[in-house]
Structures are given as structure tokens and as C-alpha cells.
Amino acid sequence: MSSRAPVTACQKDNPTSRKERRQTRNDERDIHVSQLRKTHRLVKENPFVDQAMFWKERMDTFGVNLKNVRALTDEEIFVGVVDWVCRDEEELENLNEKVNTSFKANTSLKNKRDRLKEKCEAQKKEFKGGMSIIDLRDKNNVLTLLLAKDLYVALKQQLKEFIIKYGDKDKIAITPAIEAAVAKFEKKY
């Protein structure tokens, strides 16, 4: 016979016990996975959500925040769009190195590399032909984007859009930032 009393439902485990730590990790993982699924679903339903998240994170680099709301210049928008289009190229280069250097490259690595390469090429082709982006030349759109807690709702408020093309670089004054963006865009991978 055991000398320990049976554990009843009303007794709580020690918060530092292995069981509690494991349960906490599992709960946090479930929350994280559900948030990733929700974001993935929103991006799949509305591709502008991913673009809006990119621009919202990037506003500080242009000196735009809630205290200093202003419309972006054509130069800033062009540089931002080039960064948006080329955002996956570093990961693509890493995958190319892994596939080329490993003796037996995983099929999954090769497939991931091919999917990423197709995505990059498609975005570059779209940018050359004319890409529809959120109109950040409008101060109200910038403010809506900064204040939005839920980007899907902000996009449903019908933020204005405009078409930007790679050929528009000729209409913008050539600055070091524009030259760097053009070099980044034209780099072969």
C-alpha cells in the first residue's frame, strides 16, 4: 500500500514542475501555430495583407510613425518596392548553397528552392509589367496603415492603390538609394 494520498482534481501542480512546464510549452505552441494559420489564411485570401505587413514594419526606416505622419516620396516607394520584390533572394541564395554543397541534397530542399525561385521570378516579372501596391503617397493611407491593429480590416476599408512599374525609375531623380535598389533588382541569382 502506498503512503501517498491520491491526487484529486482540485489540487494544483507546482508551477515549476516538469508537467506544468510541458503543458505551458504545449499551450504556447498551439497558440503560435493557430496565429500562423490565421495569418497564412489571410495572406492567401488577400495578397495585400502580406504587402501591408511589410510596409507597416518598414515605416520606421522612412522616419514615419504616429508622431510624424507624412506621405512617402516616389524614391522611398520605389526603394521599398524593390526590397519587397527581392526580400526572398537571400534565402534563395542560402538554399542554392545548401543544394550545391551537399553530397545528397534533399528533394524537399530542391523543391523549396524551385518554389522560391519561381516566386521571385514571378514578382520581378510583375514589377516590370506593373505592380499594384497600396498608395503610400496619400497621407490618409499611411495613417490608416499605421493605426491598423488588424490589417485585414484596414484593407477592407478600401485603401487606395496605384500601379508602379520598374520603368518608373527613369522618372525619379537618380540618388544613391535608387542606384542601390536598381543594382539589387538586376542582380542575377
Protein backbone atom coordinates (compact mmCIF):
# COMPACT_ATOMS: atom_id res chain seq x y z
CA MET A 1 0.00 0.00 0.00
CA SER A 2 1.24 3.45 -0.88
CA SER A 3 1.63 6.09 1.78
CA ARG A 4 0.82 8.91 -0.62
CA ALA A 5 -2.67 10.27 -0.78
CA PRO A 6 -4.34 10.16 -4.19
CA VAL A 7 -4.24 13.39 -6.19
CA THR A 8 -7.64 14.95 -6.52
CA ALA A 9 -8.85 17.24 -9.28
CA CYS A 10 -8.82 20.30 -7.04
CA GLN A 11 -5.10 20.01 -6.27
CA LYS A 12 -2.83 22.09 -8.49
CA ASP A 13 0.59 21.06 -9.68
CA ASN A 14 3.63 23.06 -8.75
CA PRO A 15 4.11 25.76 -11.46
CA THR A 16 7.78 24.82 -11.80
CA SER A 17 7.16 21.11 -12.16
CA ARG A 18 8.02 19.28 -15.36
CA LYS A 19 4.37 18.58 -16.05
CA GLU A 20 3.38 22.25 -15.79
CA ARG A 21 6.32 23.45 -17.88
CA ARG A 22 5.49 20.88 -20.57
CA GLN A 23 1.83 21.92 -20.53
CA THR A 24 2.79 25.61 -20.78
CA ARG A 25 5.08 24.91 -23.75
CA ASN A 26 2.35 22.93 -25.48
CA ASP A 27 -0.21 25.70 -24.92
CA GLU A 28 2.17 28.37 -26.23
CA ARG A 29 2.99 26.25 -29.28
CA ASP A 30 -0.73 25.74 -30.01
CA ILE A 31 -1.36 29.49 -29.78
CA HIS A 32 1.61 30.23 -32.06
CA VAL A 33 0.53 27.66 -34.65
CA SER A 34 -3.06 28.95 -34.67
CA GLN A 35 -1.80 32.52 -35.22
CA LEU A 36 0.41 31.34 -38.10
CA ARG A 37 -2.53 29.53 -39.68
CA LYS A 38 -4.73 32.61 -39.38
CA THR A 39 -2.06 34.83 -40.94
CA HIS A 40 -1.45 32.33 -43.74
CA ARG A 41 -5.18 32.14 -44.47
CA LEU A 42 -5.49 35.94 -44.55
CA VAL A 43 -2.50 36.28 -46.87
CA LYS A 44 -3.89 33.61 -49.17
CA GLU A 45 -7.32 35.31 -49.27
CA ASN A 46 -5.93 38.79 -49.76
CA PRO A 47 -2.35 39.14 -51.03
CA PHE A 48 -2.28 42.79 -49.98
CA VAL A 49 -2.21 41.71 -46.32
CA ASP A 50 1.36 40.43 -46.69
CA GLN A 51 2.34 43.61 -48.51
CA ALA A 52 0.66 45.78 -45.87
CA MET A 53 2.51 43.93 -43.09
CA PHE A 54 5.79 44.58 -44.93
CA TRP A 55 5.08 48.31 -45.32
CA LYS A 56 3.85 48.69 -41.74
CA GLU A 57 7.06 47.15 -40.38
CA ARG A 58 9.13 49.30 -42.73
CA MET A 59 7.61 52.72 -41.91
CA ASP A 60 10.18 53.45 -39.17
CA THR A 61 13.04 53.17 -41.65
CA PHE A 62 11.50 56.06 -43.58
CA GLY A 63 11.06 58.13 -40.41
CA VAL A 64 7.28 57.75 -40.47
CA ASN A 65 5.49 56.99 -37.21
CA LEU A 66 2.36 58.10 -35.37
CA LYS A 67 4.06 61.34 -34.26
CA ASN A 68 5.40 62.09 -37.74
CA VAL A 69 2.80 61.02 -40.31
CA ARG A 70 3.60 62.00 -43.86
CA ALA A 71 3.19 60.64 -47.36
CA LEU A 72 6.14 58.73 -48.77
CA THR A 73 8.12 60.11 -51.68
CA ASP A 74 8.38 58.33 -55.02
CA GLU A 75 12.01 57.46 -54.22
CA GLU A 76 11.08 55.82 -50.89
CA ILE A 77 8.25 53.89 -52.51
CA PHE A 78 10.48 52.65 -55.33
CA VAL A 79 13.21 51.50 -52.92
CA GLY A 80 10.58 49.84 -50.71
CA VAL A 81 9.00 48.01 -53.65
CA VAL A 82 12.41 46.73 -54.80
CA ASP A 83 13.05 45.49 -51.24
CA TRP A 84 9.60 43.85 -51.26
CA VAL A 85 10.26 42.11 -54.57
CA CYS A 86 13.78 40.98 -53.59
CA ARG A 87 13.02 40.02 -49.98
CA ASP A 88 13.39 36.26 -50.59
CA GLU A 89 16.63 36.33 -52.57
CA GLU A 90 18.93 35.89 -49.57
CA GLU A 91 17.04 32.76 -48.54
CA LEU A 92 17.21 31.56 -52.15
CA GLU A 93 21.00 32.01 -52.19
CA ASN A 94 21.31 30.03 -48.94
CA LEU A 95 19.20 27.22 -50.38
CA ASN A 96 21.31 27.18 -53.56
CA GLU A 97 24.47 26.84 -51.45
CA LYS A 98 22.97 24.00 -49.41
CA VAL A 99 21.83 22.13 -52.51
CA ASN A 100 25.10 22.64 -54.38
CA THR A 101 27.45 21.81 -51.50
CA SER A 102 25.69 18.81 -50.04
CA PHE A 103 26.51 15.41 -51.50
CA LYS A 104 22.93 14.19 -51.24
CA ALA A 105 20.59 17.16 -51.34
CA ASN A 106 17.11 16.56 -50.01
CA THR A 107 14.34 16.56 -52.56
CA SER A 108 12.42 18.84 -50.21
CA LEU A 109 15.29 21.37 -50.28
CA LYS A 110 15.35 21.29 -54.06
CA ASN A 111 11.58 21.70 -54.24
CA LYS A 112 11.65 24.59 -51.77
CA ARG A 113 14.42 26.24 -53.80
CA ASP A 114 12.46 25.81 -57.03
CA ARG A 115 9.25 27.22 -55.50
CA LEU A 116 11.12 30.20 -54.08
CA LYS A 117 12.88 30.83 -57.39
CA GLU A 118 9.56 30.77 -59.27
CA LYS A 119 8.05 33.16 -56.72
CA CYS A 120 10.98 35.60 -57.06
CA GLU A 121 10.86 35.48 -60.85
CA ALA A 122 7.09 36.00 -60.89
CA GLN A 123 7.34 39.03 -58.61
CA LYS A 124 10.11 40.56 -60.70
CA LYS A 125 8.08 39.98 -63.87
CA GLU A 126 5.02 41.55 -62.22
CA PHE A 127 7.07 44.57 -61.12
CA LYS A 128 8.41 45.08 -64.63
CA GLY A 129 4.89 44.90 -66.09
CA GLY A 130 3.21 46.95 -63.38
CA MET A 131 2.58 46.00 -59.78
CA SER A 132 -0.43 47.18 -57.81
CA ILE A 133 0.57 48.43 -54.36
CA ILE A 134 -1.01 50.44 -51.57
CA ASP A 135 -0.86 54.15 -52.40
CA LEU A 136 1.53 55.48 -49.77
CA ARG A 137 1.72 58.86 -51.50
CA ASP A 138 -1.57 59.58 -49.71
CA LYS A 139 -1.17 60.69 -46.08
CA ASN A 140 -4.54 59.18 -45.10
CA ASN A 141 -3.49 55.74 -46.36
CA VAL A 142 -0.25 55.96 -44.37
CA LEU A 143 -2.16 56.94 -41.23
CA THR A 144 -4.69 54.12 -41.72
CA LEU A 145 -1.85 51.63 -42.15
CA LEU A 146 -0.06 52.87 -39.02
CA LEU A 147 -3.20 52.80 -36.87
CA ALA A 148 -4.48 49.44 -38.10
CA LYS A 149 -4.32 46.73 -35.47
CA ASP A 150 -5.93 44.25 -37.85
CA LEU A 151 -4.56 44.73 -41.37
CA TYR A 152 -7.35 42.70 -42.93
CA VAL A 153 -9.88 45.24 -41.61
CA ALA A 154 -7.70 48.11 -42.82
CA LEU A 155 -7.63 46.64 -46.31
CA LYS A 156 -11.38 46.18 -46.28
CA GLN A 157 -11.63 49.94 -45.70
CA GLN A 158 -10.52 50.20 -49.31
CA LEU A 159 -7.08 51.73 -49.08
CA LYS A 160 -6.28 53.37 -52.38
CA GLU A 161 -3.95 51.53 -54.73
CA PHE A 162 -1.75 52.56 -57.60
CA ILE A 163 0.37 50.81 -60.22
CA ILE A 164 4.15 51.08 -60.08
CA LYS A 165 6.49 49.78 -62.77
CA TYR A 166 10.21 49.15 -62.82
CA GLY A 167 10.39 51.54 -65.75
CA ASP A 168 9.31 54.37 -63.42
CA LYS A 169 12.91 54.54 -62.19
CA ASP A 170 13.61 56.83 -65.14
CA LYS A 171 11.06 59.37 -63.85
CA ILE A 172 12.66 59.53 -60.39
CA ALA A 173 15.78 61.56 -59.66
CA ILE A 174 18.82 59.27 -59.51
CA THR A 175 20.10 59.05 -55.95
CA PRO A 176 22.42 56.55 -54.27
CA ALA A 177 19.37 54.78 -52.82
CA ILE A 178 17.80 54.41 -56.27
CA GLU A 179 21.09 53.17 -57.74
CA ALA A 180 21.42 50.59 -54.96
CA ALA A 181 17.82 49.46 -55.48
CA VAL A 182 18.34 49.09 -59.25
CA ALA A 183 21.54 47.09 -58.68
CA LYS A 184 19.73 44.87 -56.17
CA PHE A 185 16.83 44.28 -58.57
CA GLU A 186 19.01 43.50 -61.58
CA LYS A 187 21.28 41.10 -59.67
CA LYS A 188 21.10 37.57 -61.05
CA TYR A 189 20.70 34.62 -58.72
